[in-house]
Each structure stands twice: as structure tokens, then as C-alpha cells.
PDB file of N, CA and C in Angstrom:
ATOM      1  N   MET A   1    -236.630  43.956 -58.623  1.00  0.00           N
ATOM      2  CA  MET A   1    -236.905  44.805 -57.498  1.00  0.00           C
ATOM      3  C   MET A   1    -235.988  46.033 -57.467  1.00  0.00           C
ATOM      4  N   ALA A   2    -234.748  45.866 -57.777  1.00  0.00           N
ATOM      5  CA  ALA A   2    -233.822  46.981 -57.749  1.00  0.00           C
ATOM      6  C   ALA A   2    -234.272  48.065 -58.719  1.00  0.00           C
ATOM      7  N   ARG A   3    -234.832  47.635 -59.811  1.00  0.00           N
ATOM      8  CA  ARG A   3    -235.280  48.588 -60.820  1.00  0.00           C
ATOM      9  C   ARG A   3    -236.390  49.489 -60.276  1.00  0.00           C
ATOM     10  N   LYS A   4    -237.309  48.935 -59.527  1.00  0.00           N
ATOM     11  CA  LYS A   4    -238.387  49.725 -58.968  1.00  0.00           C
ATOM     12  C   LYS A   4    -237.859  50.738 -57.956  1.00  0.00           C
ATOM     13  N   LYS A   5    -236.840  50.348 -57.192  1.00  0.00           N
ATOM     14  CA  LYS A   5    -236.279  51.265 -56.215  1.00  0.00           C
ATOM     15  C   LYS A   5    -235.652  52.472 -56.904  1.00  0.00           C
ATOM     16  N   THR A   6    -234.890  52.252 -57.975  1.00  0.00           N
ATOM     17  CA  THR A   6    -234.259  53.374 -58.659  1.00  0.00           C
ATOM     18  C   THR A   6    -235.313  54.276 -59.279  1.00  0.00           C
ATOM     19  N   THR A   7    -236.371  53.677 -59.780  1.00  0.00           N
ATOM     20  CA  THR A   7    -237.433  54.492 -60.352  1.00  0.00           C
ATOM     21  C   THR A   7    -238.102  55.330 -59.274  1.00  0.00           C
ATOM     22  N   SER A   8    -238.322  54.742 -58.128  1.00  0.00           N
ATOM     23  CA  SER A   8    -238.947  55.506 -57.052  1.00  0.00           C
ATOM     24  C   SER A   8    -238.006  56.581 -56.523  1.00  0.00           C
ATOM     25  N   VAL A   9    -236.700  56.322 -56.499  1.00  0.00           N
ATOM     26  CA  VAL A   9    -235.729  57.325 -56.067  1.00  0.00           C
ATOM     27  C   VAL A   9    -235.718  58.474 -57.074  1.00  0.00           C
ATOM     28  N   VAL A  10    -235.743  58.124 -58.354  1.00  0.00           N
ATOM     29  CA  VAL A  10    -235.774  59.156 -59.395  1.00  0.00           C
ATOM     30  C   VAL A  10    -237.060  59.949 -59.284  1.00  0.00           C
ATOM     31  N   SER A  11    -238.159  59.282 -59.057  1.00  0.00           N
ATOM     32  CA  SER A  11    -239.446  59.968 -58.896  1.00  0.00           C
ATOM     33  C   SER A  11    -239.405  60.907 -57.703  1.00  0.00           C
ATOM     34  N   GLN A  12    -238.778  60.483 -56.619  1.00  0.00           N
ATOM     35  CA  GLN A  12    -238.684  61.336 -55.442  1.00  0.00           C
ATOM     36  C   GLN A  12    -237.830  62.575 -55.735  1.00  0.00           C
ATOM     37  N   GLN A  13    -236.722  62.358 -56.451  1.00  0.00           N
ATOM     38  CA  GLN A  13    -235.861  63.488 -56.779  1.00  0.00           C
ATOM     39  C   GLN A  13    -236.574  64.474 -57.696  1.00  0.00           C
ATOM     40  N   VAL A  14    -237.303  63.939 -58.667  1.00  0.00           N
ATOM     41  CA  VAL A  14    -238.052  64.816 -59.566  1.00  0.00           C
ATOM     42  C   VAL A  14    -239.131  65.554 -58.783  1.00  0.00           C
ATOM     43  N   GLY A  15    -239.774  64.847 -57.874  1.00  0.00           N
ATOM     44  CA  GLY A  15    -240.795  65.479 -57.042  1.00  0.00           C
ATOM     45  C   GLY A  15    -240.220  66.588 -56.184  1.00  0.00           C
ATOM     46  N   ILE A  16    -239.037  66.366 -55.626  1.00  0.00           N
ATOM     47  CA  ILE A  16    -238.380  67.384 -54.797  1.00  0.00           C
ATOM     48  C   ILE A  16    -238.001  68.589 -55.655  1.00  0.00           C
ATOM     49  N   ARG A  17    -237.445  68.322 -56.839  1.00  0.00           N
ATOM     50  CA  ARG A  17    -237.066  69.414 -57.740  1.00  0.00           C
ATOM     51  C   ARG A  17    -238.296  70.198 -58.177  1.00  0.00           C
ATOM     52  N   LEU A  18    -239.381  69.482 -58.441  1.00  0.00           N
ATOM     53  CA  LEU A  18    -240.610  70.131 -58.868  1.00  0.00           C
ATOM     54  C   LEU A  18    -241.189  70.997 -57.755  1.00  0.00           C
ATOM     55  N   SER A  19    -241.197  70.502 -56.538  1.00  0.00           N
ATOM     56  CA  SER A  19    -241.742  71.291 -55.429  1.00  0.00           C
ATOM     57  C   SER A  19    -240.884  72.519 -55.154  1.00  0.00           C
ATOM     58  N   SER A  20    -239.559  72.393 -55.272  1.00  0.00           N
ATOM     59  CA  SER A  20    -238.708  73.570 -55.066  1.00  0.00           C
ATOM     60  C   SER A  20    -238.910  74.572 -56.203  1.00  0.00           C
ATOM     61  N   HIS A  21    -239.144  74.078 -57.398  1.00  0.00           N
ATOM     62  CA  HIS A  21    -239.425  74.953 -58.541  1.00  0.00           C
ATOM     63  C   HIS A  21    -240.754  75.690 -58.326  1.00  0.00           C
ATOM     64  N   GLU A  22    -241.748  74.965 -57.838  1.00  0.00           N
ATOM     65  CA  GLU A  22    -243.045  75.596 -57.568  1.00  0.00           C
ATOM     66  C   GLU A  22    -242.920  76.660 -56.488  1.00  0.00           C
ATOM     67  N   LYS A  23    -242.104  76.408 -55.476  1.00  0.00           N
ATOM     68  CA  LYS A  23    -241.898  77.385 -54.413  1.00  0.00           C
ATOM     69  C   LYS A  23    -241.229  78.640 -54.970  1.00  0.00           C
ATOM     70  N   LEU A  24    -240.228  78.449 -55.815  1.00  0.00           N
ATOM     71  CA  LEU A  24    -239.535  79.568 -56.430  1.00  0.00           C
ATOM     72  C   LEU A  24    -240.487  80.377 -57.306  1.00  0.00           C
ATOM     73  N   CYS A  25    -241.313  79.690 -58.088  1.00  0.00           N
ATOM     74  CA  CYS A  25    -242.281  80.377 -58.945  1.00  0.00           C
ATOM     75  C   CYS A  25    -243.304  81.135 -58.112  1.00  0.00           C
ATOM     76  N   ALA A  26    -243.716  80.565 -57.000  1.00  0.00           N
ATOM     77  CA  ALA A  26    -244.678  81.240 -56.126  1.00  0.00           C
ATOM     78  C   ALA A  26    -244.079  82.529 -55.571  1.00  0.00           C
ATOM     79  N   GLU A  27    -242.809  82.503 -55.193  1.00  0.00           N
ATOM     80  CA  GLU A  27    -242.139  83.706 -54.698  1.00  0.00           C
ATOM     81  C   GLU A  27    -242.061  84.764 -55.794  1.00  0.00           C
ATOM     82  N   ARG A  28    -241.724  84.344 -56.994  1.00  0.00           N
ATOM     83  CA  ARG A  28    -241.649  85.280 -58.119  1.00  0.00           C
ATOM     84  C   ARG A  28    -243.013  85.897 -58.417  1.00  0.00           C
ATOM     85  N   MET A  29    -244.038  85.084 -58.397  1.00  0.00           N
ATOM     86  CA  MET A  29    -245.384  85.584 -58.656  1.00  0.00           C
ATOM     87  C   MET A  29    -245.799  86.592 -57.586  1.00  0.00           C
ATOM     88  N   GLU A  30    -245.428  86.355 -56.342  1.00  0.00           N
ATOM     89  CA  GLU A  30    -245.747  87.286 -55.262  1.00  0.00           C
ATOM     90  C   GLU A  30    -245.025  88.617 -55.482  1.00  0.00           C
ATOM     91  N   GLN A  31    -243.766  88.550 -55.894  1.00  0.00           N
ATOM     92  CA  GLN A  31    -243.013  89.769 -56.176  1.00  0.00           C
ATOM     93  C   GLN A  31    -243.636  90.535 -57.346  1.00  0.00           C
ATOM     94  N   ILE A  32    -244.067  89.826 -58.360  1.00  0.00           N
ATOM     95  CA  ILE A  32    -244.717  90.458 -59.512  1.00  0.00           C
ATOM     96  C   ILE A  32    -246.024  91.116 -59.082  1.00  0.00           C
ATOM     97  N   ARG A  33    -246.794  90.441 -58.243  1.00  0.00           N
ATOM     98  CA  ARG A  33    -248.069  90.986 -57.770  1.00  0.00           C
ATOM     99  C   ARG A  33    -247.848  92.282 -56.986  1.00  0.00           C
ATOM    100  N   VAL A  34    -246.854  92.268 -56.096  1.00  0.00           N
ATOM    101  CA  VAL A  34    -246.544  93.457 -55.303  1.00  0.00           C
ATOM    102  C   VAL A  34    -246.098  94.598 -56.222  1.00  0.00           C
ATOM    103  N   SER A  35    -245.274  94.264 -57.197  1.00  0.00           N
ATOM    104  CA  SER A  35    -244.796  95.279 -58.138  1.00  0.00           C
ATOM    105  C   SER A  35    -245.949  95.881 -58.928  1.00  0.00           C
ATOM    106  N   ILE A  36    -246.870  95.068 -59.364  1.00  0.00           N
ATOM    107  CA  ILE A  36    -248.031  95.559 -60.114  1.00  0.00           C
ATOM    108  C   ILE A  36    -248.897  96.460 -59.239  1.00  0.00           C
ATOM    109  N   GLU A  37    -249.078  96.095 -57.982  1.00  0.00           N
ATOM    110  CA  GLU A  37    -249.861  96.934 -57.070  1.00  0.00           C
ATOM    111  C   GLU A  37    -249.204  98.299 -56.876  1.00  0.00           C
ATOM    112  N   ARG A  38    -247.870  98.308 -56.747  1.00  0.00           N
ATOM    113  CA  ARG A  38    -247.154  99.583 -56.618  1.00  0.00           C
ATOM    114  C   ARG A  38    -247.340 100.435 -57.867  1.00  0.00           C
ATOM    115  N   LEU A  39    -247.247  99.812 -59.032  1.00  0.00           N
ATOM    116  CA  LEU A  39    -247.422 100.547 -60.284  1.00  0.00           C
ATOM    117  C   LEU A  39    -248.833 101.106 -60.405  1.00  0.00           C
ATOM    118  N   GLU A  40    -249.826 100.338 -59.983  1.00  0.00           N
ATOM    119  CA  GLU A  40    -251.205 100.819 -60.028  1.00  0.00           C
ATOM    120  C   GLU A  40    -251.380 102.045 -59.131  1.00  0.00           C
ATOM    121  N   LYS A  41    -250.760 102.034 -57.956  1.00  0.00           N
ATOM    122  CA  LYS A  41    -250.842 103.184 -57.058  1.00  0.00           C
ATOM    123  C   LYS A  41    -250.189 104.411 -57.691  1.00  0.00           C
ATOM    124  N   LYS A  42    -249.023 104.206 -58.310  1.00  0.00           N
ATOM    125  CA  LYS A  42    -248.330 105.321 -58.943  1.00  0.00           C
ATOM    126  C   LYS A  42    -249.151 105.897 -60.094  1.00  0.00           C
ATOM    127  N   VAL A  43    -249.758 105.037 -60.894  1.00  0.00           N
ATOM    128  CA  VAL A  43    -250.588 105.502 -62.008  1.00  0.00           C
ATOM    129  C   VAL A  43    -251.778 106.285 -61.474  1.00  0.00           C
ATOM    130  N   SER A  44    -252.357 105.820 -60.390  1.00  0.00           N
ATOM    131  CA  SER A  44    -253.486 106.524 -59.779  1.00  0.00           C
ATOM    132  C   SER A  44    -253.057 107.911 -59.291  1.00  0.00           C
ATOM    133  N   GLN A  45    -251.907 107.988 -58.649  1.00  0.00           N
ATOM    134  CA  GLN A  45    -251.405 109.271 -58.165  1.00  0.00           C
ATOM    135  C   GLN A  45    -251.117 110.218 -59.326  1.00  0.00           C
ATOM    136  N   LEU A  46    -250.525 109.705 -60.391  1.00  0.00           N
ATOM    137  CA  LEU A  46    -250.240 110.534 -61.556  1.00  0.00           C
ATOM    138  C   LEU A  46    -251.524 111.036 -62.200  1.00  0.00           C
ATOM    139  N   SER A  47    -252.524 110.179 -62.250  1.00  0.00           N
ATOM    140  CA  SER A  47    -253.813 110.569 -62.813  1.00  0.00           C
ATOM    141  C   SER A  47    -254.440 111.696 -61.997  1.00  0.00           C
ATOM    142  N   GLU A  48    -254.357 111.588 -60.683  1.00  0.00           N
ATOM    143  CA  GLU A  48    -254.876 112.648 -59.822  1.00  0.00           C
ATOM    144  C   GLU A  48    -254.111 113.948 -60.031  1.00  0.00           C
ATOM    145  N   SER A  49    -252.802 113.861 -60.175  1.00  0.00           N
ATOM    146  CA  SER A  49    -251.987 115.058 -60.386  1.00  0.00           C
ATOM    147  C   SER A  49    -252.347 115.744 -61.699  1.00  0.00           C
ATOM    148  N   VAL A  50    -252.564 114.953 -62.728  1.00  0.00           N
ATOM    149  CA  VAL A  50    -252.934 115.513 -64.027  1.00  0.00           C
ATOM    150  C   VAL A  50    -254.299 116.183 -63.935  1.00  0.00           C
ATOM    151  N   SER A  51    -255.229 115.566 -63.233  1.00  0.00           N
ATOM    152  CA  SER A  51    -256.556 116.164 -63.079  1.00  0.00           C
ATOM    153  C   SER A  51    -256.473 117.493 -62.332  1.00  0.00           C
ATOM    154  N   LYS A  52    -255.668 117.550 -61.284  1.00  0.00           N
ATOM    155  CA  LYS A  52    -255.487 118.798 -60.545  1.00  0.00           C
ATOM    156  C   LYS A  52    -254.854 119.862 -61.442  1.00  0.00           C
ATOM    157  N   GLY A  53    -253.902 119.455 -62.250  1.00  0.00           N
ATOM    158  CA  GLY A  53    -253.246 120.388 -63.165  1.00  0.00           C
ATOM    159  C   GLY A  53    -254.223 120.960 -64.175  1.00  0.00           C
ATOM    160  N   LYS A  54    -255.105 120.110 -64.698  1.00  0.00           N
ATOM    161  CA  LYS A  54    -256.112 120.590 -65.650  1.00  0.00           C
ATOM    162  C   LYS A  54    -257.036 121.596 -64.994  1.00  0.00           C
ATOM    163  N   GLY A  55    -257.406 121.346 -63.745  1.00  0.00           N
ATOM    164  CA  GLY A  55    -258.270 122.279 -63.018  1.00  0.00           C
ATOM    165  C   GLY A  55    -257.587 123.617 -62.802  1.00  0.00           C
ATOM    166  N   ALA A  56    -256.314 123.574 -62.456  1.00  0.00           N
ATOM    167  CA  ALA A  56    -255.569 124.813 -62.227  1.00  0.00           C
ATOM    168  C   ALA A  56    -255.436 125.610 -63.519  1.00  0.00           C
ATOM    169  N   VAL A  57    -255.197 124.938 -64.621  1.00  0.00           N
ATOM    170  CA  VAL A  57    -255.073 125.621 -65.907  1.00  0.00           C
ATOM    171  C   VAL A  57    -256.396 126.274 -66.286  1.00  0.00           C
ATOM    172  N   SER A  58    -257.497 125.582 -66.069  1.00  0.00           N
ATOM    173  CA  SER A  58    -258.790 126.168 -66.424  1.00  0.00           C
ATOM    174  C   SER A  58    -259.088 127.395 -65.565  1.00  0.00           C
ATOM    175  N   VAL A  59    -258.718 127.369 -64.282  1.00  0.00           N
ATOM    176  CA  VAL A  59    -258.910 128.541 -63.415  1.00  0.00           C
ATOM    177  C   VAL A  59    -258.053 129.699 -63.909  1.00  0.00           C
ATOM    178  N   LEU A  60    -256.810 129.431 -64.280  1.00  0.00           N
ATOM    179  CA  LEU A  60    -255.935 130.493 -64.781  1.00  0.00           C
ATOM    180  C   LEU A  60    -256.457 131.088 -66.084  1.00  0.00           C
ATOM    181  N   VAL A  61    -256.977 130.255 -66.959  1.00  0.00           N
ATOM    182  CA  VAL A  61    -257.547 130.747 -68.215  1.00  0.00           C
ATOM    183  C   VAL A  61    -258.761 131.622 -67.924  1.00  0.00           C
ATOM    184  N   PHE A  62    -259.592 131.212 -66.987  1.00  0.00           N
ATOM    185  CA  PHE A  62    -260.769 132.005 -66.618  1.00  0.00           C
ATOM    186  C   PHE A  62    -260.361 133.367 -66.072  1.00  0.00           C
ATOM    187  N   ILE A  63    -259.402 133.380 -65.166  1.00  0.00           N
ATOM    188  CA  ILE A  63    -258.929 134.647 -64.582  1.00  0.00           C
ATOM    189  C   ILE A  63    -258.298 135.527 -65.666  1.00  0.00           C
ATOM    190  N   GLY A  64    -257.522 134.928 -66.553  1.00  0.00           N
ATOM    191  CA  GLY A  64    -256.917 135.679 -67.650  1.00  0.00           C
ATOM    192  C   GLY A  64    -257.960 136.280 -68.572  1.00  0.00           C
ATOM    193  N   SER A  65    -259.028 135.537 -68.819  1.00  0.00           N
ATOM    194  CA  SER A  65    -260.106 136.060 -69.667  1.00  0.00           C
ATOM    195  C   SER A  65    -260.774 137.268 -69.016  1.00  0.00           C
ATOM    196  N   ILE A  66    -261.012 137.183 -67.725  1.00  0.00           N
ATOM    197  CA  ILE A  66    -261.624 138.321 -67.015  1.00  0.00           C
ATOM    198  C   ILE A  66    -260.712 139.540 -67.073  1.00  0.00           C
ATOM    199  N   ILE A  67    -259.415 139.339 -66.824  1.00  0.00           N
ATOM    200  CA  ILE A  67    -258.464 140.459 -66.870  1.00  0.00           C
ATOM    201  C   ILE A  67    -258.394 141.054 -68.272  1.00  0.00           C
ATOM    202  N   ALA A  68    -258.356 140.208 -69.288  1.00  0.00           N
ATOM    203  CA  ALA A  68    -258.317 140.707 -70.666  1.00  0.00           C
ATOM    204  C   ALA A  68    -259.588 141.481 -70.991  1.00  0.00           C
ATOM    205  N   GLY A  69    -260.727 141.009 -70.507  1.00  0.00           N
ATOM    206  CA  GLY A  69    -261.978 141.735 -70.736  1.00  0.00           C
ATOM    207  C   GLY A  69    -261.967 143.098 -70.073  1.00  0.00           C
ATOM    208  N   ILE A  70    -261.475 143.175 -68.854  1.00  0.00           N
ATOM    209  CA  ILE A  70    -261.405 144.455 -68.142  1.00  0.00           C
ATOM    210  C   ILE A  70    -260.476 145.423 -68.863  1.00  0.00           C
ATOM    211  N   ILE A  71    -259.305 144.924 -69.275  1.00  0.00           N
ATOM    212  CA  ILE A  71    -258.347 145.779 -69.991  1.00  0.00           C
ATOM    213  C   ILE A  71    -258.950 146.253 -71.311  1.00  0.00           C
ATOM    214  N   GLY A  72    -259.627 145.364 -72.016  1.00  0.00           N
ATOM    215  CA  GLY A  72    -260.272 145.754 -73.271  1.00  0.00           C
ATOM    216  C   GLY A  72    -261.349 146.799 -73.054  1.00  0.00           C
ATOM    217  N   PHE A  73    -262.136 146.647 -72.014  1.00  0.00           N
ATOM    218  CA  PHE A  73    -263.192 147.615 -71.706  1.00  0.00           C
ATOM    219  C   PHE A  73    -262.597 148.976 -71.374  1.00  0.00           C
ATOM    220  N   ILE A  74    -261.548 148.978 -70.541  1.00  0.00           N
ATOM    221  CA  ILE A  74    -260.906 150.241 -70.155  1.00  0.00           C
ATOM    222  C   ILE A  74    -260.299 150.915 -71.380  1.00  0.00           C
ATOM    223  N   THR A  75    -259.652 150.140 -72.230  1.00  0.00           N
ATOM    224  CA  THR A  75    -259.051 150.696 -73.439  1.00  0.00           C
ATOM    225  C   THR A  75    -260.127 151.286 -74.352  1.00  0.00           C
ATOM    226  N   TYR A  76    -261.231 150.603 -74.488  1.00  0.00           N
ATOM    227  CA  TYR A  76    -262.338 151.076 -75.330  1.00  0.00           C
ATOM    228  C   TYR A  76    -262.887 152.394 -74.776  1.00  0.00           C
ATOM    229  N   LYS A  77    -263.140 152.440 -73.478  1.00  0.00           N
ATOM    230  CA  LYS A  77    -263.650 153.668 -72.864  1.00  0.00           C
ATOM    231  C   LYS A  77    -262.630 154.802 -72.976  1.00  0.00           C
ATOM    232  N   TRP A  78    -261.357 154.511 -72.807  1.00  0.00           N
ATOM    233  CA  TRP A  78    -260.313 155.528 -72.918  1.00  0.00           C
ATOM    234  C   TRP A  78    -260.279 156.106 -74.321  1.00  0.00           C
ATOM    235  N   ASN A  79    -260.438 155.234 -75.326  1.00  0.00           N
ATOM    236  CA  ASN A  79    -260.445 155.722 -76.706  1.00  0.00           C
ATOM    237  C   ASN A  79    -261.649 156.625 -76.960  1.00  0.00           C
ATOM    238  N   ILE A  80    -262.806 156.287 -76.408  1.00  0.00           N
ATOM    239  CA  ILE A  80    -263.997 157.111 -76.587  1.00  0.00           C
ATOM    240  C   ILE A  80    -263.800 158.461 -75.902  1.00  0.00           C
ATOM    241  N   ILE A  81    -263.236 158.469 -74.715  1.00  0.00           N
ATOM    242  CA  ILE A  81    -263.005 159.712 -73.979  1.00  0.00           C
ATOM    243  C   ILE A  81    -262.028 160.603 -74.728  1.00  0.00           C
ATOM    244  N   THR A  82    -260.963 160.029 -75.261  1.00  0.00           N
ATOM    245  CA  THR A  82    -259.986 160.846 -75.992  1.00  0.00           C
ATOM    246  C   THR A  82    -260.562 161.362 -77.291  1.00  0.00           C
ATOM    247  N   GLU A  83    -261.430 160.634 -77.965  1.00  0.00           N
ATOM    248  CA  GLU A  83    -262.061 161.115 -79.191  1.00  0.00           C
ATOM    249  C   GLU A  83    -263.027 162.264 -78.887  1.00  0.00           C
ATOM    250  N   VAL A  84    -263.772 162.149 -77.810  1.00  0.00           N
ATOM    251  CA  VAL A  84    -264.706 163.207 -77.421  1.00  0.00           C
ATOM    252  C   VAL A  84    -263.937 164.465 -77.054  1.00  0.00           C
ATOM    253  N   SER A  85    -262.838 164.326 -76.355  1.00  0.00           N
ATOM    254  CA  SER A  85    -262.058 165.509 -75.964  1.00  0.00           C
ATOM    255  C   SER A  85    -261.390 166.150 -77.168  1.00  0.00           C
ATOM    256  N   LEU A  86    -261.057 165.356 -78.189  1.00  0.00           N
ATOM    257  CA  LEU A  86    -260.462 165.931 -79.398  1.00  0.00           C
ATOM    258  C   LEU A  86    -261.510 166.671 -80.231  1.00  0.00           C
ATOM    259  N   LEU A  87    -262.753 166.238 -80.188  1.00  0.00           N
ATOM    260  CA  LEU A  87    -263.820 166.888 -80.947  1.00  0.00           C
ATOM    261  C   LEU A  87    -264.238 168.211 -80.335  1.00  0.00           C
ATOM    262  N   THR A  88    -264.073 168.355 -79.064  1.00  0.00           N
ATOM    263  CA  THR A  88    -264.496 169.611 -78.414  1.00  0.00           C
ATOM    264  C   THR A  88    -263.415 170.634 -78.310  1.00  0.00           C
TER     265      THR A  88
END
């Protein structure tokens, strides 16, 4: 009989240790889950920032192209005017 009691006491101690271990693991898993959610939000924000940056760059390139076209046109017309004035 004494042997069964020690086995049951050992089983109880192992059960207590196991339940405390499970509680600790559950807390760790919750912390990991929260951390992953924060990282997902940050990645989403960074992705949005990059998309906005790409849009701004494309607008600047478009405006630069228009300005370069205007300058090229004015330069071309100026060259034609100066050639005509030199011929006369």
C-alpha cells in the first residue's frame, strides 16, 4: 500500500509541474501571437509607405518630362528664330 501512495504522490507532483509548464507555455504563445500581430501591422504600414513613395516618384517623373519637353520645344524654336535672323 505504501508503494501506491508514493506513486500517486509522484504522479500528483508531475501533474502539477506539467500544468504549470502548460500555463507558462500558454503565456509565451500569447506573447508570440501579440508580437506577430504587431509585426504584421508594421509590415502593412511599410508597404503602404512604399506604395505612396512609388506614386510620388511617378508624378515627379511625369512633371519632369513635361518640363523637359517645354524646354526642348522653346530651345528648338529659339534656334529656328536665330537661324532665320542670321539669314536675313
